Amino acid sequence: MSVPNFEELDLLHRYMCKAVSDPKRIQILYALHNAKYHVTALAELLDTPQPTISRHLALLKQRGLVIGERDGAAVYYRLADERIIEVLDTMRRMLRDLFESHSNNLEA
């Protein structure tokens, strides 16, 4: 595989990496993997102030990771693309493997 060009990687970093650089945003993505939520319900589920959830959702929406759908007065959010969960799960497995490997090296 060839090395991707810098411009593509810069876009990847600005749009995707920065969007998932906050643990609360990752938590929101996982919550939206299971169901659609409006801001207040997400705030309650994640025990986080509603303005904080709103700010995170705005960034995730701007980056194209979530979609807001109006239903009367409420806006319900859902994942724009389920593959983000696969990416996050892969990174979590890599982290677990890294810690396990590090732990095994310390025991040797």
C-alpha atoms as a PDB file:
ATOM      1  CA  MET A   1       0.000   0.000   0.000  1.00  0.00           C
ATOM      2  CA  SER A   2       1.317   3.411  -0.885  1.00  0.00           C
ATOM      3  CA  VAL A   3       1.639   6.259   1.575  1.00  0.00           C
ATOM      4  CA  PRO A   4      -1.431   8.525   1.412  1.00  0.00           C
ATOM      5  CA  ASN A   5      -0.733  12.102   0.438  1.00  0.00           C
ATOM      6  CA  PHE A   6      -0.457  14.754   3.124  1.00  0.00           C
ATOM      7  CA  GLU A   7      -3.603  16.629   2.087  1.00  0.00           C
ATOM      8  CA  GLU A   8      -5.759  13.526   2.511  1.00  0.00           C
ATOM      9  CA  LEU A   9      -4.213  12.759   5.887  1.00  0.00           C
ATOM     10  CA  ASP A  10      -4.677  16.361   6.972  1.00  0.00           C
ATOM     11  CA  LEU A  11      -8.390  16.106   6.142  1.00  0.00           C
ATOM     12  CA  LEU A  12      -8.608  12.791   7.993  1.00  0.00           C
ATOM     13  CA  HIS A  13      -7.020  14.365  11.034  1.00  0.00           C
ATOM     14  CA  ARG A  14      -9.118  17.551  10.981  1.00  0.00           C
ATOM     15  CA  TYR A  15     -12.447  15.835  10.333  1.00  0.00           C
ATOM     16  CA  MET A  16     -12.284  12.409  11.919  1.00  0.00           C
ATOM     17  CA  CYS A  17      -9.435  12.287  14.425  1.00  0.00           C
ATOM     18  CA  LYS A  18     -10.295  15.592  16.080  1.00  0.00           C
ATOM     19  CA  ALA A  19     -13.977  14.626  16.151  1.00  0.00           C
ATOM     20  CA  VAL A  20     -13.170  11.535  18.224  1.00  0.00           C
ATOM     21  CA  SER A  21     -10.436  13.188  20.295  1.00  0.00           C
ATOM     22  CA  ASP A  22     -12.784  13.710  23.247  1.00  0.00           C
ATOM     23  CA  PRO A  23     -13.951  10.739  25.362  1.00  0.00           C
ATOM     24  CA  LYS A  24     -17.408  12.256  25.801  1.00  0.00           C
ATOM     25  CA  ARG A  25     -17.873  12.446  22.017  1.00  0.00           C
ATOM     26  CA  ILE A  26     -16.843   8.800  21.729  1.00  0.00           C
ATOM     27  CA  GLN A  27     -19.347   7.944  24.442  1.00  0.00           C
ATOM     28  CA  ILE A  28     -22.050   9.821  22.501  1.00  0.00           C
ATOM     29  CA  LEU A  29     -21.203   7.848  19.356  1.00  0.00           C
ATOM     30  CA  TYR A  30     -21.525   4.560  21.240  1.00  0.00           C
ATOM     31  CA  ALA A  31     -24.862   5.665  22.719  1.00  0.00           C
ATOM     32  CA  LEU A  32     -26.156   6.556  19.255  1.00  0.00           C
ATOM     33  CA  HIS A  33     -25.057   3.163  17.962  1.00  0.00           C
ATOM     34  CA  ASN A  34     -27.831   1.595  20.020  1.00  0.00           C
ATOM     35  CA  ALA A  35     -30.661   4.067  19.429  1.00  0.00           C
ATOM     36  CA  LYS A  36     -31.719   7.544  18.358  1.00  0.00           C
ATOM     37  CA  TYR A  37     -31.690  10.125  21.131  1.00  0.00           C
ATOM     38  CA  HIS A  38     -32.592  13.746  21.638  1.00  0.00           C
ATOM     39  CA  VAL A  39     -30.195  15.990  23.537  1.00  0.00           C
ATOM     40  CA  THR A  40     -31.968  15.797  26.899  1.00  0.00           C
ATOM     41  CA  ALA A  41     -32.153  11.997  26.821  1.00  0.00           C
ATOM     42  CA  LEU A  42     -28.456  11.761  25.907  1.00  0.00           C
ATOM     43  CA  ALA A  43     -27.587  14.152  28.732  1.00  0.00           C
ATOM     44  CA  GLU A  44     -29.484  11.971  31.203  1.00  0.00           C
ATOM     45  CA  LEU A  45     -28.054   8.726  29.829  1.00  0.00           C
ATOM     46  CA  LEU A  46     -24.472  10.008  29.978  1.00  0.00           C
ATOM     47  CA  ASP A  47     -24.914  12.031  33.184  1.00  0.00           C
ATOM     48  CA  THR A  48     -23.603  15.130  31.457  1.00  0.00           C
ATOM     49  CA  PRO A  49     -25.040  18.662  31.335  1.00  0.00           C
ATOM     50  CA  GLN A  50     -27.289  19.254  28.334  1.00  0.00           C
ATOM     51  CA  PRO A  51     -25.257  22.241  27.012  1.00  0.00           C
ATOM     52  CA  THR A  52     -22.146  20.039  26.967  1.00  0.00           C
ATOM     53  CA  ILE A  53     -23.944  17.333  24.990  1.00  0.00           C
ATOM     54  CA  SER A  54     -25.293  19.981  22.590  1.00  0.00           C
ATOM     55  CA  ARG A  55     -21.788  21.330  21.917  1.00  0.00           C
ATOM     56  CA  HIS A  56     -20.411  17.847  21.277  1.00  0.00           C
ATOM     57  CA  LEU A  57     -23.326  16.943  18.998  1.00  0.00           C
ATOM     58  CA  ALA A  58     -22.834  20.144  17.020  1.00  0.00           C
ATOM     59  CA  LEU A  59     -19.220  19.231  16.321  1.00  0.00           C
ATOM     60  CA  LEU A  60     -20.077  15.608  15.486  1.00  0.00           C
ATOM     61  CA  LYS A  61     -22.809  16.813  13.149  1.00  0.00           C
ATOM     62  CA  GLN A  62     -20.489  19.351  11.523  1.00  0.00           C
ATOM     63  CA  ARG A  63     -17.963  16.567  10.895  1.00  0.00           C
ATOM     64  CA  GLY A  64     -20.634  14.324   9.366  1.00  0.00           C
ATOM     65  CA  LEU A  65     -20.557  11.640  12.051  1.00  0.00           C
ATOM     66  CA  VAL A  66     -24.107  12.181  13.316  1.00  0.00           C
ATOM     67  CA  ILE A  67     -27.351  13.268  11.711  1.00  0.00           C
ATOM     68  CA  GLY A  68     -30.101  15.235  13.409  1.00  0.00           C
ATOM     69  CA  GLU A  69     -33.675  14.452  12.401  1.00  0.00           C
ATOM     70  CA  ARG A  70     -36.497  16.749  13.493  1.00  0.00           C
ATOM     71  CA  ASP A  71     -39.631  15.167  14.973  1.00  0.00           C
ATOM     72  CA  GLY A  72     -41.951  18.000  15.927  1.00  0.00           C
ATOM     73  CA  ALA A  73     -40.093  20.210  18.390  1.00  0.00           C
ATOM     74  CA  ALA A  74     -37.444  17.587  19.162  1.00  0.00           C
ATOM     75  CA  VAL A  75     -34.336  16.740  17.167  1.00  0.00           C
ATOM     76  CA  TYR A  76     -33.243  13.108  17.366  1.00  0.00           C
ATOM     77  CA  TYR A  77     -29.658  12.205  16.604  1.00  0.00           C
ATOM     78  CA  ARG A  78     -28.326   9.036  15.023  1.00  0.00           C
ATOM     79  CA  LEU A  79     -25.036   7.867  13.566  1.00  0.00           C
ATOM     80  CA  ALA A  80     -24.444   8.937   9.991  1.00  0.00           C
ATOM     81  CA  ASP A  81     -22.327   5.849   9.325  1.00  0.00           C
ATOM     82  CA  GLU A  82     -22.158   2.774  11.556  1.00  0.00           C
ATOM     83  CA  ARG A  83     -18.568   2.108  10.452  1.00  0.00           C
ATOM     84  CA  ILE A  84     -17.306   4.634  13.008  1.00  0.00           C
ATOM     85  CA  ILE A  85     -18.150   2.084  15.719  1.00  0.00           C
ATOM     86  CA  GLU A  86     -16.088  -0.556  13.913  1.00  0.00           C
ATOM     87  CA  VAL A  87     -13.163   1.877  13.814  1.00  0.00           C
ATOM     88  CA  LEU A  88     -13.535   2.710  17.506  1.00  0.00           C
ATOM     89  CA  ASP A  89     -13.869  -0.971  18.435  1.00  0.00           C
ATOM     90  CA  THR A  90     -10.700  -1.753  16.463  1.00  0.00           C
ATOM     91  CA  MET A  91      -8.800   0.973  18.295  1.00  0.00           C
ATOM     92  CA  ARG A  92     -10.101  -0.307  21.654  1.00  0.00           C
ATOM     93  CA  ARG A  93      -8.921  -3.856  20.801  1.00  0.00           C
ATOM     94  CA  MET A  94      -5.528  -2.479  19.794  1.00  0.00           C
ATOM     95  CA  LEU A  95      -5.285  -0.623  23.103  1.00  0.00           C
ATOM     96  CA  ARG A  96      -6.199  -3.734  25.103  1.00  0.00           C
ATOM     97  CA  ASP A  97      -3.612  -5.765  23.158  1.00  0.00           C
ATOM     98  CA  LEU A  98      -0.996  -3.089  23.740  1.00  0.00           C
ATOM     99  CA  PHE A  99      -1.627  -3.027  27.489  1.00  0.00           C
ATOM    100  CA  GLU A 100      -1.689  -6.819  27.632  1.00  0.00           C
ATOM    101  CA  SER A 101       1.596  -7.026  25.734  1.00  0.00           C
ATOM    102  CA  HIS A 102       3.134  -4.380  27.977  1.00  0.00           C
ATOM    103  CA  SER A 103       1.938  -6.239  31.072  1.00  0.00           C
ATOM    104  CA  ASN A 104       3.377  -9.524  29.780  1.00  0.00           C
ATOM    105  CA  ASN A 105       6.722  -7.835  29.047  1.00  0.00           C
ATOM    106  CA  LEU A 106       6.880  -6.526  32.618  1.00  0.00           C
ATOM    107  CA  GLU A 107       6.261 -10.038  33.999  1.00  0.00           C
ATOM    108  CA  ALA A 108       9.021 -11.609  31.882  1.00  0.00           C
END
